[in-house]
N, C-alpha and C. Protein backbone atom coordinates (compact mmCIF):
# COMPACT_ATOMS: atom_id res chain seq x y z
N MET A 1 97.64 131.33 102.54
CA MET A 1 98.88 130.35 102.35
C MET A 1 98.27 128.97 102.29
N ASN A 2 98.89 128.28 101.22
CA ASN A 2 98.22 126.95 101.04
C ASN A 2 99.33 125.92 101.65
N ASN A 3 98.74 125.00 102.68
CA ASN A 3 99.58 124.11 103.46
C ASN A 3 99.28 122.73 102.78
N THR A 4 98.71 122.64 101.67
CA THR A 4 98.56 121.32 101.14
C THR A 4 99.83 120.49 101.08
N TYR A 5 99.81 119.20 101.30
CA TYR A 5 101.14 118.27 101.38
C TYR A 5 101.25 118.04 99.80
N LYS A 6 102.49 118.35 99.48
CA LYS A 6 102.87 117.92 98.03
C LYS A 6 104.22 117.33 98.08
N PRO A 7 104.36 116.14 98.11
CA PRO A 7 105.54 115.28 97.95
C PRO A 7 106.50 115.65 96.83
N ASP A 8 107.62 115.61 96.99
CA ASP A 8 108.55 115.98 95.65
C ASP A 8 109.23 114.71 95.60
N TRP A 9 108.76 113.64 95.65
CA TRP A 9 109.13 112.36 95.43
C TRP A 9 108.08 111.19 94.91
N LEU A 10 108.62 110.25 94.35
CA LEU A 10 107.77 109.21 93.95
C LEU A 10 108.15 107.83 94.56
N SER A 11 107.45 107.00 94.77
CA SER A 11 107.92 105.55 95.05
C SER A 11 107.13 104.55 94.20
N PRO A 12 107.67 103.51 93.94
CA PRO A 12 106.89 102.67 93.06
C PRO A 12 105.98 101.84 94.03
N PRO A 13 104.95 101.22 93.29
CA PRO A 13 103.87 100.47 94.01
C PRO A 13 104.43 99.38 94.98
N GLY A 14 105.85 98.99 94.44
CA GLY A 14 106.55 97.88 95.27
C GLY A 14 106.72 98.29 96.55
N ASP A 15 106.88 99.60 96.97
CA ASP A 15 106.91 100.15 98.28
C ASP A 15 105.95 99.69 99.12
N THR A 16 104.54 99.83 98.63
CA THR A 16 103.38 99.65 99.35
C THR A 16 103.41 98.05 99.49
N ILE A 17 103.77 97.30 98.39
CA ILE A 17 103.87 95.81 98.55
C ILE A 17 104.72 95.37 99.82
N ALA A 18 105.85 95.91 99.58
CA ALA A 18 106.99 95.56 100.70
C ALA A 18 106.44 96.01 102.07
N ASP A 19 105.80 96.92 102.38
CA ASP A 19 105.27 97.49 103.67
C ASP A 19 104.04 96.39 103.88
N LEU A 20 103.35 95.84 103.14
CA LEU A 20 102.21 95.06 103.49
C LEU A 20 102.66 93.63 103.74
N ILE A 21 103.67 93.17 102.98
CA ILE A 21 104.12 91.80 103.12
C ILE A 21 105.04 91.91 104.55
N GLU A 22 105.53 92.89 104.86
CA GLU A 22 106.36 93.03 106.02
C GLU A 22 105.46 92.85 107.45
N GLU A 23 104.29 93.47 107.32
CA GLU A 23 103.14 93.68 108.18
C GLU A 23 102.75 92.14 108.35
N LEU A 24 102.70 91.51 107.29
CA LEU A 24 102.12 89.95 107.44
C LEU A 24 103.06 89.09 107.83
N GLY A 25 104.47 89.43 107.79
CA GLY A 25 105.54 88.69 108.22
C GLY A 25 105.89 87.79 107.06
N TRP A 26 105.65 88.15 105.80
CA TRP A 26 105.96 87.42 104.61
C TRP A 26 107.50 87.65 104.16
N SER A 27 108.05 86.77 103.57
CA SER A 27 109.33 87.23 102.75
C SER A 27 108.97 87.37 101.39
N HIS A 28 110.03 87.71 100.50
CA HIS A 28 109.82 87.81 99.18
C HIS A 28 109.61 86.55 98.56
N LYS A 29 110.15 85.52 99.09
CA LYS A 29 109.78 84.19 98.92
C LYS A 29 108.32 83.52 98.93
N ASP A 30 107.99 84.00 99.99
CA ASP A 30 106.55 83.74 100.29
C ASP A 30 105.42 84.59 99.36
N LEU A 31 105.81 85.68 99.15
CA LEU A 31 104.90 86.27 97.97
C LEU A 31 104.94 85.73 96.81
N ALA A 32 106.44 85.44 96.26
CA ALA A 32 106.44 84.53 95.03
C ALA A 32 105.77 83.41 95.08
N ASN A 33 105.94 82.59 95.95
CA ASN A 33 105.08 81.44 95.90
C ASN A 33 103.63 81.68 95.86
N SER A 34 103.18 82.66 96.40
CA SER A 34 101.74 82.84 96.55
C SER A 34 101.25 83.44 95.11
N MET A 35 102.01 83.95 94.42
CA MET A 35 101.81 84.68 93.09
C MET A 35 102.27 83.84 91.89
N SER A 36 103.05 82.60 92.29
CA SER A 36 103.43 81.69 91.11
C SER A 36 104.58 82.45 90.45
N PHE A 37 105.17 83.27 91.15
CA PHE A 37 106.41 84.22 90.35
C PHE A 37 107.69 83.52 90.98
N THR A 38 108.97 84.04 90.37
CA THR A 38 110.23 83.70 90.97
C THR A 38 110.42 84.80 91.88
N GLU A 39 111.56 84.57 92.70
CA GLU A 39 111.82 85.68 93.80
C GLU A 39 112.39 86.91 93.08
N VAL A 40 113.06 86.61 91.72
CA VAL A 40 113.60 87.64 91.13
C VAL A 40 112.31 88.48 90.49
N GLU A 41 111.32 88.02 89.95
CA GLU A 41 110.20 88.70 89.59
C GLU A 41 109.75 89.64 90.57
N VAL A 42 109.38 88.86 91.98
CA VAL A 42 108.95 89.74 93.14
C VAL A 42 109.98 90.86 93.35
N SER A 43 111.30 90.57 93.41
CA SER A 43 112.14 91.67 93.80
C SER A 43 112.01 92.84 92.58
N ASN A 44 111.91 92.45 91.50
CA ASN A 44 111.88 93.48 90.41
C ASN A 44 110.49 94.30 90.48
N LEU A 45 109.55 93.51 90.89
CA LEU A 45 108.18 94.22 91.03
C LEU A 45 108.20 95.34 92.11
N ILE A 46 108.91 94.93 93.28
CA ILE A 46 108.95 95.69 94.49
C ILE A 46 109.98 97.12 94.07
N LYS A 47 111.09 96.75 93.40
CA LYS A 47 112.01 97.72 92.85
C LYS A 47 111.35 98.72 91.95
N GLY A 48 110.27 98.38 91.30
CA GLY A 48 109.72 98.98 90.10
C GLY A 48 110.14 98.88 88.72
N THR A 49 111.00 97.88 88.70
CA THR A 49 111.58 97.45 87.52
C THR A 49 110.68 96.61 86.56
N LYS A 50 109.70 95.99 87.27
CA LYS A 50 108.68 94.97 86.49
C LYS A 50 107.60 95.76 86.74
N PRO A 51 106.85 96.13 85.58
CA PRO A 51 105.53 96.77 85.51
C PRO A 51 104.49 96.04 86.27
N LEU A 52 103.65 96.87 87.25
CA LEU A 52 102.44 96.00 87.60
C LEU A 52 101.17 96.07 86.79
N THR A 53 100.92 94.89 86.14
CA THR A 53 99.92 94.75 85.17
C THR A 53 98.39 94.55 85.88
N TYR A 54 97.49 94.46 85.03
CA TYR A 54 96.17 94.05 85.39
C TYR A 54 96.14 92.72 86.20
N ASP A 55 96.92 91.80 85.73
CA ASP A 55 96.90 90.39 86.18
C ASP A 55 97.57 90.29 87.53
N ILE A 56 98.69 91.14 87.69
CA ILE A 56 99.47 91.31 88.77
C ILE A 56 98.41 91.89 89.93
N ALA A 57 97.68 93.09 89.42
CA ALA A 57 96.93 93.90 90.52
C ALA A 57 95.76 92.76 91.09
N VAL A 58 95.15 91.89 90.14
CA VAL A 58 94.19 90.83 90.67
C VAL A 58 94.81 90.18 91.77
N LYS A 59 95.97 89.71 91.54
CA LYS A 59 96.68 88.74 92.42
C LYS A 59 96.95 89.38 93.73
N LEU A 60 97.32 90.78 93.50
CA LEU A 60 97.56 91.68 94.97
C LEU A 60 96.51 91.63 95.62
N VAL A 61 95.17 92.12 94.91
CA VAL A 61 93.86 92.22 95.76
C VAL A 61 93.60 90.97 96.52
N GLN A 62 93.92 89.78 96.02
CA GLN A 62 93.46 88.65 96.55
C GLN A 62 94.35 88.39 97.76
N LEU A 63 95.88 88.53 97.73
CA LEU A 63 96.37 88.32 98.77
C LEU A 63 97.00 89.54 99.71
N LEU A 64 96.98 90.79 99.17
CA LEU A 64 97.02 91.83 100.20
C LEU A 64 96.04 92.84 100.44
N GLY A 65 94.88 92.86 99.62
CA GLY A 65 94.02 93.75 99.91
C GLY A 65 93.75 94.89 98.97
N GLY A 66 92.96 95.63 99.25
CA GLY A 66 92.94 97.00 98.22
C GLY A 66 91.92 96.59 96.90
N THR A 67 92.05 97.42 95.94
CA THR A 67 91.25 97.21 95.01
C THR A 67 92.09 97.16 93.81
N ILE A 68 91.72 96.58 92.55
CA ILE A 68 92.56 96.67 91.37
C ILE A 68 92.72 97.94 90.73
N GLU A 69 91.74 98.73 90.97
CA GLU A 69 91.78 100.24 90.61
C GLU A 69 92.99 100.96 91.38
N PHE A 70 93.07 100.74 92.75
CA PHE A 70 94.20 101.13 93.53
C PHE A 70 95.45 100.84 92.86
N TRP A 71 95.71 99.38 92.80
CA TRP A 71 97.17 99.01 92.39
C TRP A 71 97.30 99.72 90.87
N LEU A 72 96.45 99.68 90.09
CA LEU A 72 96.62 100.26 88.71
C LEU A 72 97.06 101.65 88.70
N LYS A 73 96.22 102.30 89.51
CA LYS A 73 96.50 104.00 89.55
C LYS A 73 97.83 104.15 90.12
N ARG A 74 98.18 103.57 91.16
CA ARG A 74 99.49 103.57 91.72
C ARG A 74 100.54 103.35 90.90
N GLU A 75 100.51 102.40 89.89
CA GLU A 75 101.55 101.93 88.98
C GLU A 75 101.44 103.11 87.95
N ALA A 76 100.31 103.49 87.40
CA ALA A 76 100.20 104.40 86.44
C ALA A 76 100.89 105.82 86.87
N ASN A 77 100.44 106.24 88.02
CA ASN A 77 100.86 107.62 88.48
C ASN A 77 102.52 107.46 88.56
N TYR A 78 103.05 106.24 89.18
CA TYR A 78 104.50 106.15 89.39
C TYR A 78 105.24 106.04 87.88
N ARG A 79 104.67 105.59 86.92
CA ARG A 79 105.12 105.46 85.65
C ARG A 79 105.22 106.94 84.66
N LYS A 80 104.12 107.60 85.03
CA LYS A 80 103.77 108.91 84.62
C LYS A 80 104.71 109.89 85.37
N GLY A 81 105.15 109.77 86.51
CA GLY A 81 105.88 110.60 87.43
C GLY A 81 104.96 111.59 88.05
N VAL A 82 103.79 111.23 88.16
CA VAL A 82 102.82 112.36 88.67
C VAL A 82 103.16 112.32 90.41
N LEU A 83 103.21 113.53 90.81
CA LEU A 83 103.41 113.89 92.07
C LEU A 83 102.37 114.31 92.82
């Protein structure tokens, strides 16, 4: 019997972003200011309606940590619907 965990749902990379900024005590406005984005852009990034690009990944690495590859893979898997 294979007990490997296989979720049947996807979440946008924004879920990870939201968790990390919450841990830092930041608001969407704080992140927006740090990234030179509007609050609407940050909100759309978190909801998954704004794609996470290479340039955004670079900013996230600087602000929240991780690697560019982590963020881009998270985005690619979300967009492809990989579970």
